[in-house]
Amino acid sequence: MPIAAQATQMIDDDRVRVTRFDFAPGAETGWHTHAMDYVITAVTDCHMRLEMPGGEAKEVTVPAGTAYRRDEGVEHNVINAGSAPMSFVEVELK
């Protein structure tokens, strides 16, 4: 059984939902579809394996302190592909 990433909700109001995700090595979010546009900010260096629909997978590294954004509708499973714990903060725009 896969190890689940730990999600800690920090803010959930009428404008944003902010969640911190902490992953042990090999931990994953599980398959999910983003219902809102979102921004990810890496707290640590994040060595991620992104599993996409249709069997595609890609490995990406998001350096600590950097950010990226995606539109609603993204479907994937995020896995810590590194050998160290990783963390990021996700801000969903309502």
N, C-alpha and C. Protein backbone atom coordinates (compact mmCIF):
# COMPACT_ATOMS: atom_id res chain seq x y z
N MET A 1 0.85 -1.19 0.00
CA MET A 1 0.00 0.00 0.00
C MET A 1 0.90 1.25 0.00
N PRO A 2 0.62 2.20 -0.86
CA PRO A 2 1.45 3.42 -0.93
C PRO A 2 1.38 4.24 0.35
N ILE A 3 2.45 4.96 0.61
CA ILE A 3 2.50 5.89 1.74
C ILE A 3 1.81 7.18 1.31
N ALA A 4 0.91 7.69 2.12
CA ALA A 4 0.19 8.92 1.79
C ALA A 4 0.98 10.15 2.26
N ALA A 5 1.01 11.16 1.42
CA ALA A 5 1.56 12.45 1.82
C ALA A 5 0.65 13.03 2.90
N GLN A 6 1.23 13.83 3.79
CA GLN A 6 0.44 14.47 4.84
C GLN A 6 0.01 15.85 4.37
N ALA A 7 -1.29 16.11 4.38
CA ALA A 7 -1.85 17.40 3.97
C ALA A 7 -2.33 18.14 5.22
N THR A 8 -1.83 19.37 5.40
CA THR A 8 -2.23 20.19 6.54
C THR A 8 -2.85 21.47 6.01
N GLN A 9 -4.16 21.61 6.22
CA GLN A 9 -4.85 22.81 5.74
C GLN A 9 -4.48 23.99 6.64
N MET A 10 -4.05 25.09 6.02
CA MET A 10 -3.60 26.26 6.75
C MET A 10 -4.64 27.38 6.71
N ILE A 11 -5.28 27.57 5.56
CA ILE A 11 -6.32 28.60 5.38
C ILE A 11 -7.37 28.02 4.45
N ASP A 12 -8.63 28.30 4.74
CA ASP A 12 -9.72 27.96 3.83
C ASP A 12 -10.80 29.00 4.07
N ASP A 13 -10.80 30.03 3.22
CA ASP A 13 -11.80 31.09 3.36
C ASP A 13 -12.52 31.28 2.03
N ASP A 14 -13.18 32.40 1.85
CA ASP A 14 -13.97 32.59 0.63
C ASP A 14 -13.11 32.90 -0.60
N ARG A 15 -11.80 33.15 -0.42
CA ARG A 15 -10.94 33.51 -1.56
C ARG A 15 -9.89 32.47 -1.91
N VAL A 16 -9.32 31.80 -0.89
CA VAL A 16 -8.24 30.82 -1.15
C VAL A 16 -8.34 29.63 -0.20
N ARG A 17 -7.72 28.53 -0.63
CA ARG A 17 -7.46 27.40 0.25
C ARG A 17 -5.95 27.16 0.19
N VAL A 18 -5.30 27.17 1.35
CA VAL A 18 -3.85 26.99 1.43
C VAL A 18 -3.58 25.70 2.20
N THR A 19 -2.83 24.80 1.57
CA THR A 19 -2.53 23.50 2.16
C THR A 19 -1.04 23.22 2.05
N ARG A 20 -0.44 22.77 3.13
CA ARG A 20 0.96 22.32 3.10
C ARG A 20 0.95 20.80 2.93
N PHE A 21 1.78 20.33 2.01
CA PHE A 21 1.94 18.90 1.77
C PHE A 21 3.34 18.48 2.16
N ASP A 22 3.44 17.46 3.00
CA ASP A 22 4.72 16.90 3.44
C ASP A 22 4.77 15.44 3.01
N PHE A 23 5.86 15.08 2.33
CA PHE A 23 6.04 13.75 1.76
C PHE A 23 7.29 13.09 2.32
N ALA A 24 7.16 11.90 2.86
CA ALA A 24 8.32 11.05 3.12
C ALA A 24 8.81 10.54 1.75
N PRO A 25 10.04 10.06 1.65
CA PRO A 25 10.46 9.47 0.37
C PRO A 25 9.48 8.38 -0.06
N GLY A 26 9.03 8.43 -1.30
CA GLY A 26 8.09 7.47 -1.84
C GLY A 26 6.63 7.77 -1.57
N ALA A 27 6.33 8.75 -0.72
CA ALA A 27 4.94 9.09 -0.41
C ALA A 27 4.27 9.76 -1.61
N GLU A 28 2.96 9.68 -1.68
CA GLU A 28 2.23 10.23 -2.82
C GLU A 28 0.91 10.84 -2.38
N THR A 29 0.39 11.70 -3.26
CA THR A 29 -0.90 12.33 -2.98
C THR A 29 -2.06 11.39 -3.26
N GLY A 30 -1.88 10.46 -4.18
CA GLY A 30 -2.99 9.69 -4.73
C GLY A 30 -3.58 10.47 -5.90
N TRP A 31 -4.29 9.78 -6.77
CA TRP A 31 -4.87 10.41 -7.95
C TRP A 31 -5.89 11.46 -7.53
N HIS A 32 -5.81 12.63 -8.17
CA HIS A 32 -6.78 13.69 -7.87
C HIS A 32 -6.85 14.64 -9.07
N THR A 33 -7.97 15.36 -9.15
CA THR A 33 -8.18 16.37 -10.18
C THR A 33 -8.37 17.71 -9.48
N HIS A 34 -7.61 18.71 -9.91
CA HIS A 34 -7.69 20.03 -9.29
C HIS A 34 -8.96 20.75 -9.76
N ALA A 35 -9.79 21.15 -8.82
CA ALA A 35 -11.05 21.83 -9.12
C ALA A 35 -10.87 23.34 -9.25
N MET A 36 -9.68 23.84 -8.91
CA MET A 36 -9.41 25.28 -8.95
C MET A 36 -8.02 25.53 -9.54
N ASP A 37 -7.81 26.74 -10.08
CA ASP A 37 -6.46 27.16 -10.42
C ASP A 37 -5.63 27.13 -9.15
N TYR A 38 -4.32 26.86 -9.29
CA TYR A 38 -3.51 26.76 -8.08
C TYR A 38 -2.06 27.17 -8.33
N VAL A 39 -1.39 27.51 -7.22
CA VAL A 39 0.03 27.87 -7.22
C VAL A 39 0.71 26.97 -6.20
N ILE A 40 1.85 26.40 -6.59
CA ILE A 40 2.67 25.58 -5.68
C ILE A 40 3.95 26.35 -5.39
N THR A 41 4.34 26.43 -4.12
CA THR A 41 5.63 26.99 -3.71
C THR A 41 6.39 25.90 -2.96
N ALA A 42 7.57 25.57 -3.44
CA ALA A 42 8.39 24.52 -2.82
C ALA A 42 9.02 25.04 -1.54
N VAL A 43 8.84 24.30 -0.45
CA VAL A 43 9.49 24.61 0.82
C VAL A 43 10.88 23.98 0.84
N THR A 44 10.98 22.76 0.32
CA THR A 44 12.25 22.05 0.17
C THR A 44 12.47 21.82 -1.33
N ASP A 45 13.63 21.35 -1.71
CA ASP A 45 13.80 20.87 -3.07
C ASP A 45 12.83 19.71 -3.24
N CYS A 46 12.04 19.75 -4.30
CA CYS A 46 11.02 18.73 -4.53
C CYS A 46 11.36 17.95 -5.79
N HIS A 47 11.76 16.70 -5.60
CA HIS A 47 12.04 15.79 -6.71
C HIS A 47 10.79 14.94 -6.90
N MET A 48 9.95 15.35 -7.86
CA MET A 48 8.63 14.75 -8.03
C MET A 48 8.54 13.85 -9.25
N ARG A 49 7.79 12.79 -9.07
CA ARG A 49 7.35 11.97 -10.20
C ARG A 49 5.87 12.28 -10.36
N LEU A 50 5.49 12.77 -11.52
CA LEU A 50 4.10 13.12 -11.80
C LEU A 50 3.51 12.06 -12.72
N GLU A 51 2.58 11.27 -12.19
CA GLU A 51 1.88 10.28 -13.00
C GLU A 51 0.67 10.97 -13.60
N MET A 52 0.53 10.85 -14.91
CA MET A 52 -0.53 11.51 -15.65
C MET A 52 -1.50 10.46 -16.21
N PRO A 53 -2.72 10.89 -16.57
CA PRO A 53 -3.66 9.96 -17.18
C PRO A 53 -3.06 9.33 -18.44
N GLY A 54 -3.44 8.10 -18.71
CA GLY A 54 -2.96 7.43 -19.90
C GLY A 54 -1.61 6.75 -19.70
N GLY A 55 -1.10 6.76 -18.46
CA GLY A 55 0.15 6.07 -18.18
C GLY A 55 1.41 6.89 -18.32
N GLU A 56 1.29 8.13 -18.78
CA GLU A 56 2.47 8.99 -18.90
C GLU A 56 2.97 9.36 -17.51
N ALA A 57 4.29 9.45 -17.36
CA ALA A 57 4.89 9.90 -16.10
C ALA A 57 6.10 10.76 -16.45
N LYS A 58 6.32 11.79 -15.63
CA LYS A 58 7.50 12.62 -15.84
C LYS A 58 8.10 12.97 -14.50
N GLU A 59 9.41 13.11 -14.49
CA GLU A 59 10.14 13.48 -13.28
C GLU A 59 10.55 14.93 -13.41
N VAL A 60 10.27 15.71 -12.37
CA VAL A 60 10.62 17.12 -12.35
C VAL A 60 11.23 17.46 -10.99
N THR A 61 12.08 18.48 -10.99
CA THR A 61 12.63 19.01 -9.75
C THR A 61 12.21 20.46 -9.63
N VAL A 62 11.59 20.79 -8.51
CA VAL A 62 11.20 22.16 -8.22
C VAL A 62 12.09 22.61 -7.05
N PRO A 63 13.03 23.53 -7.30
CA PRO A 63 13.94 23.94 -6.24
C PRO A 63 13.21 24.68 -5.10
N ALA A 64 13.73 24.52 -3.90
CA ALA A 64 13.17 25.20 -2.73
C ALA A 64 13.06 26.69 -3.00
N GLY A 65 11.93 27.27 -2.60
CA GLY A 65 11.72 28.71 -2.74
C GLY A 65 11.18 29.14 -4.08
N THR A 66 10.99 28.21 -5.02
CA THR A 66 10.43 28.57 -6.32
C THR A 66 8.97 28.16 -6.39
N ALA A 67 8.26 28.69 -7.38
CA ALA A 67 6.83 28.46 -7.49
C ALA A 67 6.44 28.23 -8.95
N TYR A 68 5.30 27.57 -9.14
CA TYR A 68 4.69 27.44 -10.46
C TYR A 68 3.18 27.44 -10.29
N ARG A 69 2.46 27.68 -11.38
CA ARG A 69 1.00 27.68 -11.33
C ARG A 69 0.42 26.78 -12.41
N ARG A 70 -0.77 26.30 -12.15
CA ARG A 70 -1.50 25.45 -13.11
C ARG A 70 -2.98 25.84 -13.08
N ASP A 71 -3.65 25.55 -14.18
CA ASP A 71 -5.08 25.81 -14.29
C ASP A 71 -5.88 24.65 -13.69
N GLU A 72 -7.12 24.94 -13.33
CA GLU A 72 -8.00 23.88 -12.83
C GLU A 72 -8.11 22.78 -13.88
N GLY A 73 -8.45 21.58 -13.42
CA GLY A 73 -8.63 20.46 -14.33
C GLY A 73 -7.44 19.52 -14.43
N VAL A 74 -6.29 19.91 -13.87
CA VAL A 74 -5.12 19.04 -13.91
C VAL A 74 -5.43 17.77 -13.11
N GLU A 75 -5.15 16.62 -13.72
CA GLU A 75 -5.34 15.33 -13.05
C GLU A 75 -3.99 14.64 -12.98
N HIS A 76 -3.63 14.19 -11.78
CA HIS A 76 -2.34 13.52 -11.63
C HIS A 76 -2.21 12.87 -10.25
N ASN A 77 -1.12 12.13 -10.09
CA ASN A 77 -0.66 11.61 -8.80
C ASN A 77 0.75 12.13 -8.63
N VAL A 78 1.04 12.78 -7.50
CA VAL A 78 2.36 13.35 -7.22
C VAL A 78 3.07 12.43 -6.22
N ILE A 79 4.30 12.02 -6.57
CA ILE A 79 5.09 11.11 -5.74
C ILE A 79 6.43 11.75 -5.44
N ASN A 80 6.89 11.62 -4.20
CA ASN A 80 8.24 12.06 -3.85
C ASN A 80 9.21 11.03 -4.42
N ALA A 81 9.89 11.39 -5.49
CA ALA A 81 10.83 10.49 -6.16
C ALA A 81 12.25 10.64 -5.62
N GLY A 82 12.43 11.50 -4.63
CA GLY A 82 13.75 11.72 -4.06
C GLY A 82 14.00 10.82 -2.85
N SER A 83 15.21 10.95 -2.29
CA SER A 83 15.59 10.14 -1.14
C SER A 83 15.42 10.89 0.18
N ALA A 84 15.00 12.15 0.12
CA ALA A 84 14.80 12.98 1.32
C ALA A 84 13.34 13.42 1.39
N PRO A 85 12.85 13.78 2.57
CA PRO A 85 11.50 14.32 2.66
C PRO A 85 11.36 15.58 1.80
N MET A 86 10.16 15.83 1.32
CA MET A 86 9.90 17.06 0.54
C MET A 86 8.60 17.68 1.01
N SER A 87 8.53 19.02 0.84
CA SER A 87 7.33 19.76 1.25
C SER A 87 7.07 20.89 0.28
N PHE A 88 5.78 21.15 0.05
CA PHE A 88 5.39 22.35 -0.69
C PHE A 88 4.08 22.87 -0.14
N VAL A 89 3.81 24.14 -0.46
CA VAL A 89 2.55 24.78 -0.07
C VAL A 89 1.76 25.03 -1.35
N GLU A 90 0.51 24.62 -1.33
CA GLU A 90 -0.39 24.79 -2.47
C GLU A 90 -1.43 25.84 -2.11
N VAL A 91 -1.58 26.84 -2.97
CA VAL A 91 -2.60 27.87 -2.80
C VAL A 91 -3.60 27.71 -3.94
N GLU A 92 -4.84 27.35 -3.59
CA GLU A 92 -5.90 27.20 -4.58
C GLU A 92 -6.70 28.49 -4.60
N LEU A 93 -6.98 28.99 -5.81
CA LEU A 93 -7.67 30.27 -6.00
C LEU A 93 -9.15 30.00 -6.25
N LYS A 94 -9.98 30.48 -5.34
CA LYS A 94 -11.42 30.24 -5.45
C LYS A 94 -12.07 31.28 -6.35
